[in-house]
Protein backbone atom coordinates (compact mmCIF):
# COMPACT_ATOMS: atom_id res chain seq x y z
CA VAL A 1 -67.59 15.11 -16.70
CA MET A 2 -67.92 11.35 -17.53
CA ASN A 3 -68.78 11.80 -21.62
CA TYR A 4 -65.85 14.25 -21.66
CA PHE A 5 -63.86 12.09 -19.99
CA PHE A 6 -64.64 9.98 -22.53
CA LEU A 7 -64.09 11.72 -25.50
CA MET A 8 -60.80 12.70 -24.43
CA ALA A 9 -59.23 9.39 -23.68
CA GLU A 10 -60.62 8.04 -27.33
CA GLU A 11 -59.02 11.02 -29.04
CA ILE A 12 -55.69 9.42 -26.98
CA ARG A 13 -56.31 6.34 -27.98
CA GLU A 14 -56.68 8.10 -31.93
CA ILE A 15 -53.47 10.02 -31.91
CA MET A 16 -51.53 6.74 -30.14
CA ALA A 17 -52.56 4.29 -32.53
CA LYS A 18 -51.52 7.15 -35.64
CA LEU A 19 -48.31 7.51 -34.37
CA GLY A 20 -47.83 4.00 -33.84
CA TYR A 21 -48.20 3.28 -30.13
CA ARG A 22 -50.84 0.92 -27.57
CA THR A 23 -49.80 1.94 -24.86
CA MET A 24 -49.24 5.41 -22.82
CA GLU A 25 -46.02 3.48 -21.35
CA ASP A 26 -44.70 2.90 -24.71
CA MET A 27 -44.96 6.22 -25.21
CA ILE A 28 -42.48 7.44 -23.00
CA GLY A 29 -39.27 9.04 -24.06
CA GLN A 30 -39.96 8.76 -27.33
CA THR A 31 -39.09 12.60 -27.73
CA GLN A 32 -38.61 12.18 -31.54
CA HIS A 33 -42.36 13.41 -31.82
CA LEU A 34 -41.91 16.45 -29.82
CA GLU A 35 -41.27 19.93 -31.27
CA VAL A 36 -41.08 23.33 -30.24
CA ASN A 37 -44.63 25.73 -31.21
CA LYS A 38 -42.43 28.51 -31.78
CA ARG A 39 -45.84 30.60 -32.07
CA GLY A 40 -46.36 30.23 -28.01
CA LEU A 41 -42.51 31.25 -27.08
CA HIS A 42 -42.75 34.29 -25.17
CA TYR A 43 -40.18 36.81 -26.74
CA LYS A 44 -37.94 37.00 -24.13
CA SER A 45 -37.84 33.23 -24.64
CA ARG A 46 -37.79 32.81 -28.78
CA GLY A 47 -33.69 32.37 -28.82
CA LEU A 48 -33.66 29.75 -26.93
CA ASP A 49 -31.81 26.36 -28.03
CA LEU A 50 -34.85 23.80 -26.72
CA SER A 51 -32.85 21.26 -28.50
CA PRO A 52 -31.52 19.84 -25.86
CA LEU A 53 -34.62 19.45 -23.55
CA LEU A 54 -36.25 16.95 -26.84
CA THR A 55 -32.65 14.64 -26.81
CA PRO A 56 -33.24 11.03 -26.78
CA ALA A 57 -31.68 10.29 -23.53
CA SER A 58 -29.71 7.13 -25.23
CA GLU A 59 -28.01 9.07 -26.82
CA LEU A 60 -26.29 11.08 -24.12
CA ASN A 61 -25.94 7.28 -22.46
CA PRO A 62 -26.14 4.57 -24.85
CA THR A 63 -26.89 2.06 -21.09
CA ALA A 64 -29.80 4.29 -19.78
CA GLY A 65 -33.68 3.60 -19.87
CA ILE A 66 -36.10 5.49 -21.54
CA ARG A 67 -37.87 5.30 -18.44
CA ASN A 68 -37.77 5.01 -14.40
CA LEU A 69 -37.33 1.18 -13.88
CA ASN A 70 -35.50 1.68 -10.66
CA THR A 71 -37.37 1.74 -7.55
CA GLN A 72 -35.67 4.66 -5.25
CA TYR A 73 -35.16 4.69 -1.44
CA HIS A 74 -36.00 7.73 0.35
CA GLY A 75 -34.84 6.59 3.94
CA LEU A 76 -38.41 7.43 5.34
CA ASP A 77 -38.07 4.21 7.64
CA LYS A 78 -34.49 6.14 9.10
CA ALA A 79 -36.56 9.59 9.53
CA LYS A 80 -36.29 11.62 12.58
CA ASP A 81 -39.96 12.58 12.24
CA ASN A 82 -40.47 8.09 12.84
CA VAL A 83 -39.89 8.86 16.76
CA LEU A 84 -41.60 11.94 17.34
CA ILE A 85 -44.51 10.34 15.76
CA GLU A 86 -44.03 7.75 18.72
CA LYS A 87 -43.02 10.29 21.42
CA ALA A 88 -46.57 12.50 20.37
CA ARG A 89 -48.46 8.63 20.36
CA GLU A 90 -50.77 9.96 22.70
CA ALA A 91 -51.33 13.19 21.13
CA LEU A 92 -52.12 11.99 17.90
CA GLU A 93 -54.54 9.13 19.46
CA ASN A 94 -56.28 10.99 21.95
CA GLY A 95 -55.65 14.97 22.01
CA THR A 96 -53.66 14.72 25.17
CA PRO A 97 -50.67 17.32 25.25
CA VAL A 98 -47.32 16.08 25.30
CA GLU A 99 -43.64 18.04 25.34
CA PHE A 100 -41.07 15.87 24.98
CA ASP A 101 -36.85 17.28 24.30
CA GLU A 102 -34.96 15.25 21.10
CA GLU A 103 -31.70 15.67 19.19
CA ILE A 104 -31.61 17.14 16.10
CA ASN A 105 -29.03 17.31 13.49
CA ASN A 106 -28.87 19.42 10.18
CA LEU A 107 -30.07 15.96 8.13
CA ASN A 108 -33.04 15.93 9.20
CA ARG A 109 -33.98 18.34 6.88
CA THR A 110 -37.34 18.24 6.87
CA CYS A 111 -37.90 17.15 10.37
CA GLY A 112 -41.93 17.70 11.42
CA THR A 113 -43.49 16.73 7.95
CA MET A 114 -44.49 13.10 8.37
CA LEU A 115 -45.99 13.93 12.02
CA SER A 116 -47.49 16.81 10.83
CA TYR A 117 -48.79 14.48 8.24
CA GLU A 118 -49.89 12.11 10.94
CA ILE A 119 -51.88 14.87 12.20
CA SER A 120 -53.92 16.07 9.19
CA LYS A 121 -55.34 12.51 8.11
CA ARG A 122 -56.43 12.97 11.27
CA TYR A 123 -57.99 15.89 12.03
CA GLY A 124 -58.25 17.16 8.52
CA LYS A 125 -57.05 20.80 7.88
CA ASP A 126 -57.96 21.77 11.31
CA GLY A 127 -55.56 20.20 13.37
CA LEU A 128 -54.60 19.86 16.67
CA PRO A 129 -55.16 22.56 19.24
CA ASP A 130 -52.38 25.32 19.45
CA ASP A 131 -49.36 23.72 21.34
CA THR A 132 -50.50 20.23 22.09
CA ILE A 133 -47.60 18.73 20.19
CA ARG A 134 -44.09 20.55 21.82
CA ILE A 135 -40.72 19.28 21.64
CA ASN A 136 -37.93 21.25 21.98
CA MET A 137 -35.16 20.29 20.47
CA LYS A 138 -30.84 20.54 20.69
CA GLY A 139 -28.52 20.56 17.49
CA HIS A 140 -28.44 21.83 14.14
CA ALA A 141 -31.85 22.11 12.69
CA GLY A 142 -31.79 21.64 8.89
CA GLN A 143 -32.93 23.25 5.76
CA SER A 144 -36.80 22.68 5.32
CA PHE A 145 -36.99 21.93 9.21
CA ALA A 146 -40.75 22.35 11.08
CA PHE A 147 -41.68 23.47 7.42
CA THR A 148 -45.36 23.75 7.01
CA LEU A 149 -46.31 22.55 10.48
CA ALA A 150 -49.34 21.01 11.31
CA ARG A 151 -51.48 23.94 13.40
CA GLY A 152 -51.37 21.99 16.98
CA VAL A 153 -47.05 21.50 16.65
CA THR A 154 -44.51 23.34 18.34
CA MET A 155 -41.11 22.84 17.53
CA ASN A 156 -38.43 25.19 19.44
CA VAL A 157 -34.29 25.11 18.52
CA GLU A 158 -31.41 25.53 20.74
CA GLY A 159 -29.20 25.74 18.55
CA ASP A 160 -28.36 26.99 15.19
CA ALA A 161 -30.82 26.49 12.40
CA ASN A 162 -30.78 26.89 8.07
CA ASP A 163 -31.82 29.23 5.66
CA TYR A 164 -35.44 28.75 5.09
CA THR A 165 -36.07 26.28 8.68
CA GLY A 166 -39.86 27.40 9.70
CA LYS A 167 -40.86 28.98 6.72
CA GLY A 168 -44.27 28.50 5.88
C-alpha cells in the first residue's frame, strides 16, 4: 500500500510539473485544464452544457478569490446542544440516567447532533443503554431535529415539528 501511494504521488508531481504547478494549492480553481470526457457521459446527459461548471470564478466575479480564503463561523458555540451536553454530563461521564426538560425552536434544526457525537466519542457505535438520556422538548422542532441520534438518547417534542424530524 505504501509503495502504491508513493508511486501515485510521484505521478501526480509529474503531471503538476507538466502543467506548471509546484503545489496542489496553486492548482485550485485552475479550470482551464479541465474538460468534459464526452465518452464517459450517459446517453441522457450527453446534451447537457457543462461549460458553466468550468467557468473560472474570476470571470463571474472579478473580486472573488479562486479558493476559500475566509474562515466560516458556524455558530456552534451558540448551539442548543451545548446546553444538552451540560445537562447530560452525568450520563456522558458515568452512564447515570438523566431526564430533563428544555425549550426548543425551529432555529435549533440539528438538535441532538453534538450530543450524539459526545456519546459516540466516548462509547463508540454501541452508545449508551436505551433511554439513558431522556430530553423532553417543548416548542417548535426544526428540520433535522433528532436526526440520527446516538443509541441511548430519547428526545420527545410537545409542540410541532418540521418534516425530516427524527429521521435516521
